[in-house]
Amino acid sequence: MTTPANEDLIQALKIAFCYMPKAIEVNKYEYGDRYQTVLDHIQTVREVLLMNEVDPEEVHGEINPDTTPNSSY
């Protein structure tokens, strides 16, 4: 059962995820020695979204529908 507080937390996590860098953008040149920590944080957020039945690939479109291109398939 999802509680209103849990729904608010998931919504906040979705919003934060939209502002996180994509894993492919994270490298040692840009993030220095912290790059692996940043990748780990991104993975943690993805896993929590998945555990709550949220597809991380769909989050940006849900949070920012006006800036997300329409699917071509």
N, C-alpha and C. Protein backbone atom coordinates (compact mmCIF):
# COMPACT_ATOMS: atom_id res chain seq x y z
N MET A 1 0.84 -1.18 0.00
CA MET A 1 0.00 0.00 0.00
C MET A 1 0.88 1.25 0.00
N THR A 2 0.57 2.16 -0.90
CA THR A 2 1.34 3.39 -1.00
C THR A 2 0.67 4.47 -0.16
N THR A 3 1.46 5.07 0.70
CA THR A 3 0.94 6.14 1.54
C THR A 3 1.17 7.48 0.85
N PRO A 4 0.41 8.51 1.23
CA PRO A 4 0.64 9.83 0.64
C PRO A 4 2.08 10.32 0.85
N ALA A 5 2.65 10.05 2.01
CA ALA A 5 4.03 10.46 2.27
C ALA A 5 4.99 9.75 1.33
N ASN A 6 4.76 8.45 1.10
CA ASN A 6 5.60 7.69 0.19
C ASN A 6 5.44 8.22 -1.24
N GLU A 7 4.23 8.55 -1.63
CA GLU A 7 3.99 9.12 -2.96
C GLU A 7 4.76 10.42 -3.13
N ASP A 8 4.76 11.26 -2.09
CA ASP A 8 5.50 12.51 -2.13
C ASP A 8 7.00 12.27 -2.27
N LEU A 9 7.51 11.27 -1.56
CA LEU A 9 8.94 10.94 -1.64
C LEU A 9 9.30 10.44 -3.03
N ILE A 10 8.47 9.59 -3.61
CA ILE A 10 8.73 9.08 -4.95
C ILE A 10 8.68 10.22 -5.96
N GLN A 11 7.72 11.12 -5.81
CA GLN A 11 7.63 12.27 -6.71
C GLN A 11 8.89 13.13 -6.60
N ALA A 12 9.35 13.36 -5.38
CA ALA A 12 10.58 14.15 -5.18
C ALA A 12 11.78 13.44 -5.80
N LEU A 13 11.84 12.12 -5.67
CA LEU A 13 12.93 11.35 -6.25
C LEU A 13 12.89 11.43 -7.78
N LYS A 14 11.70 11.39 -8.36
CA LYS A 14 11.57 11.52 -9.81
C LYS A 14 12.09 12.87 -10.28
N ILE A 15 11.72 13.93 -9.56
CA ILE A 15 12.17 15.28 -9.93
C ILE A 15 13.69 15.37 -9.83
N ALA A 16 14.24 14.89 -8.73
CA ALA A 16 15.70 14.92 -8.55
C ALA A 16 16.40 14.13 -9.65
N PHE A 17 15.83 12.98 -10.02
CA PHE A 17 16.43 12.13 -11.05
C PHE A 17 16.53 12.87 -12.38
N CYS A 18 15.56 13.74 -12.66
CA CYS A 18 15.57 14.51 -13.91
C CYS A 18 16.77 15.45 -13.98
N TYR A 19 17.26 15.88 -12.84
CA TYR A 19 18.38 16.84 -12.80
C TYR A 19 19.73 16.16 -12.62
N MET A 20 19.72 14.86 -12.39
CA MET A 20 20.97 14.12 -12.26
C MET A 20 21.58 13.93 -13.64
N PRO A 21 22.91 13.84 -13.69
CA PRO A 21 23.51 13.54 -14.99
C PRO A 21 23.16 12.11 -15.41
N LYS A 22 23.15 11.87 -16.68
CA LYS A 22 22.97 10.51 -17.19
C LYS A 22 24.28 9.77 -16.96
N ALA A 23 24.20 8.49 -16.69
CA ALA A 23 25.40 7.70 -16.39
C ALA A 23 26.44 7.81 -17.51
N ILE A 24 25.97 7.87 -18.74
CA ILE A 24 26.89 7.96 -19.88
C ILE A 24 27.67 9.28 -19.89
N GLU A 25 27.16 10.30 -19.21
CA GLU A 25 27.81 11.60 -19.16
C GLU A 25 28.87 11.70 -18.06
N VAL A 26 28.91 10.71 -17.19
CA VAL A 26 29.81 10.76 -16.03
C VAL A 26 31.13 10.10 -16.40
N ASN A 27 32.20 10.88 -16.29
CA ASN A 27 33.53 10.35 -16.58
C ASN A 27 34.55 10.97 -15.64
N LYS A 28 35.72 10.41 -15.65
CA LYS A 28 36.78 10.87 -14.74
C LYS A 28 37.23 12.29 -15.08
N TYR A 29 37.19 12.65 -16.36
CA TYR A 29 37.60 14.00 -16.77
C TYR A 29 36.69 15.05 -16.15
N GLU A 30 35.38 14.83 -16.20
CA GLU A 30 34.41 15.81 -15.68
C GLU A 30 34.27 15.77 -14.16
N TYR A 31 34.36 14.59 -13.57
CA TYR A 31 34.06 14.42 -12.14
C TYR A 31 35.26 14.04 -11.29
N GLY A 32 36.41 13.88 -11.91
CA GLY A 32 37.62 13.55 -11.17
C GLY A 32 37.49 12.22 -10.45
N ASP A 33 38.08 12.15 -9.29
CA ASP A 33 38.07 10.90 -8.53
C ASP A 33 36.69 10.54 -7.99
N ARG A 34 35.73 11.46 -8.07
CA ARG A 34 34.37 11.22 -7.57
C ARG A 34 33.48 10.51 -8.61
N TYR A 35 33.99 10.28 -9.80
CA TYR A 35 33.12 9.77 -10.86
C TYR A 35 32.44 8.46 -10.48
N GLN A 36 33.14 7.55 -9.81
CA GLN A 36 32.52 6.28 -9.44
C GLN A 36 31.44 6.49 -8.38
N THR A 37 31.65 7.42 -7.47
CA THR A 37 30.64 7.73 -6.46
C THR A 37 29.38 8.28 -7.12
N VAL A 38 29.56 9.15 -8.10
CA VAL A 38 28.42 9.72 -8.83
C VAL A 38 27.67 8.61 -9.56
N LEU A 39 28.39 7.71 -10.20
CA LEU A 39 27.74 6.58 -10.88
C LEU A 39 26.98 5.71 -9.89
N ASP A 40 27.56 5.49 -8.72
CA ASP A 40 26.89 4.69 -7.69
C ASP A 40 25.60 5.37 -7.22
N HIS A 41 25.63 6.69 -7.08
CA HIS A 41 24.44 7.43 -6.64
C HIS A 41 23.34 7.34 -7.70
N ILE A 42 23.72 7.49 -8.95
CA ILE A 42 22.74 7.37 -10.03
C ILE A 42 22.11 5.97 -10.01
N GLN A 43 22.93 4.96 -9.85
CA GLN A 43 22.42 3.58 -9.82
C GLN A 43 21.49 3.36 -8.63
N THR A 44 21.82 3.93 -7.49
CA THR A 44 20.97 3.79 -6.30
C THR A 44 19.59 4.38 -6.55
N VAL A 45 19.56 5.56 -7.14
CA VAL A 45 18.27 6.21 -7.42
C VAL A 45 17.48 5.39 -8.42
N ARG A 46 18.13 4.90 -9.46
CA ARG A 46 17.45 4.05 -10.46
C ARG A 46 16.84 2.82 -9.79
N GLU A 47 17.60 2.18 -8.90
CA GLU A 47 17.11 0.97 -8.24
C GLU A 47 15.91 1.26 -7.35
N VAL A 48 15.93 2.38 -6.63
CA VAL A 48 14.79 2.73 -5.78
C VAL A 48 13.56 3.02 -6.63
N LEU A 49 13.75 3.70 -7.74
CA LEU A 49 12.62 3.94 -8.63
C LEU A 49 12.04 2.62 -9.12
N LEU A 50 12.91 1.72 -9.55
CA LEU A 50 12.44 0.42 -10.04
C LEU A 50 11.74 -0.38 -8.95
N MET A 51 12.25 -0.33 -7.72
CA MET A 51 11.61 -1.04 -6.62
C MET A 51 10.20 -0.50 -6.35
N ASN A 52 9.96 0.74 -6.75
CA ASN A 52 8.65 1.36 -6.57
C ASN A 52 7.85 1.37 -7.86
N GLU A 53 8.21 0.47 -8.77
CA GLU A 53 7.50 0.27 -10.03
C GLU A 53 7.46 1.53 -10.89
N VAL A 54 8.57 2.26 -10.89
CA VAL A 54 8.72 3.45 -11.72
C VAL A 54 9.85 3.16 -12.71
N ASP A 55 9.57 3.31 -13.99
CA ASP A 55 10.58 3.11 -15.02
C ASP A 55 11.44 4.37 -15.13
N PRO A 56 12.72 4.30 -14.76
CA PRO A 56 13.57 5.49 -14.81
C PRO A 56 13.64 6.12 -16.20
N GLU A 57 13.48 5.31 -17.23
CA GLU A 57 13.54 5.84 -18.60
C GLU A 57 12.32 6.70 -18.94
N GLU A 58 11.25 6.56 -18.19
CA GLU A 58 10.02 7.30 -18.45
C GLU A 58 9.85 8.54 -17.54
N VAL A 59 10.72 8.67 -16.56
CA VAL A 59 10.56 9.72 -15.55
C VAL A 59 10.62 11.11 -16.15
N HIS A 60 11.60 11.37 -17.01
CA HIS A 60 11.73 12.71 -17.58
C HIS A 60 10.47 13.13 -18.33
N GLY A 61 9.92 12.22 -19.12
CA GLY A 61 8.71 12.53 -19.86
C GLY A 61 7.52 12.79 -18.96
N GLU A 62 7.47 12.10 -17.83
CA GLU A 62 6.37 12.32 -16.89
C GLU A 62 6.50 13.66 -16.18
N ILE A 63 7.72 14.00 -15.77
CA ILE A 63 7.95 15.23 -15.02
C ILE A 63 7.97 16.45 -15.94
N ASN A 64 8.53 16.30 -17.14
CA ASN A 64 8.66 17.41 -18.08
C ASN A 64 8.07 17.06 -19.45
N PRO A 65 6.77 16.85 -19.52
CA PRO A 65 6.18 16.41 -20.79
C PRO A 65 6.33 17.42 -21.92
N ASP A 66 6.43 18.70 -21.59
CA ASP A 66 6.53 19.73 -22.63
C ASP A 66 7.92 19.79 -23.27
N THR A 67 8.94 19.19 -22.66
CA THR A 67 10.27 19.22 -23.24
C THR A 67 10.73 17.84 -23.70
N THR A 68 9.82 16.89 -23.73
CA THR A 68 10.16 15.52 -24.13
C THR A 68 9.61 15.26 -25.52
N PRO A 69 10.49 14.83 -26.45
CA PRO A 69 9.98 14.55 -27.79
C PRO A 69 9.01 13.38 -27.77
N ASN A 70 8.07 13.40 -28.71
CA ASN A 70 7.12 12.30 -28.85
C ASN A 70 7.84 11.08 -29.39
N SER A 71 7.36 9.93 -29.02
CA SER A 71 7.93 8.69 -29.50
C SER A 71 7.66 8.55 -30.99
N SER A 72 8.60 7.95 -31.70
CA SER A 72 8.40 7.77 -33.13
C SER A 72 8.00 6.35 -33.50
N TYR A 73 7.72 5.53 -32.51
CA TYR A 73 7.30 4.16 -32.84
C TYR A 73 5.95 3.86 -32.33
